[in-house]
């Protein structure tokens, strides 16, 4: 029986790459909000695509209930959906930021927990900004730092149940659907030891490792995948 994976925020960017990778050998469920799920469904037509807004108070419960109704189980939970708030921006509030980046992840895991078996794996997508705060997005950076602490705490809490909880902290990533301009891209490249900007597939490979049995003795870790950004 194939494992069941839920990837939140998987219609584009890093989430899309993760979903396309895990969909090769998992029964796949994804969430999306404004973007449609066409790209995932084209490659994996059996994907369960759930449109949701994680600022809604009952969103986590509805998502987990939908996955369990369709598949009866959940083995891999990839917490990728997130919000970014640049200082002074008006379209996202600080409350929304921490709701989506921290509290929703907690709600999703706690709602799924009665249905998770030993060997289940939880993988959160953090950011290098958790330890290298972005000057123009201080609250975003703080929310990712809180997420890292949550990951370590939940790993300790759930270790006795055989459930692994880890995070991946991407560096600068250029996604085809949200590319940075050439000057900003070059700035990141100049600060990266490997001399290139990251791709969504780089993060998907790290997620695949944490989701595999090869990582069955790893929990509570935050793996930086940045090509040596700002070493």
Foldseek 3Di string as FASTA:
>chain_A
DFAEEEQEQQQFFLNVLLLLVSLVGHAYEYEHEPHDNVVSCVNRVRYHYHYDDLVDPCGLVVRLVVSCVVPVAHAEYELEDADFDFPPDDPADLVNRLSNLPVSLVSNCVNRVVRYAANGEYEYEAAPCCVVPDPGGNSNNVSSVVNLVVQLVVQVVCVVRNYAGEYEHEYAEATPVRGDDPVVQQVQLVQAPQRHFHYSNQVSVVSVCRSDPVCSPDHSYYHYRYNRGND
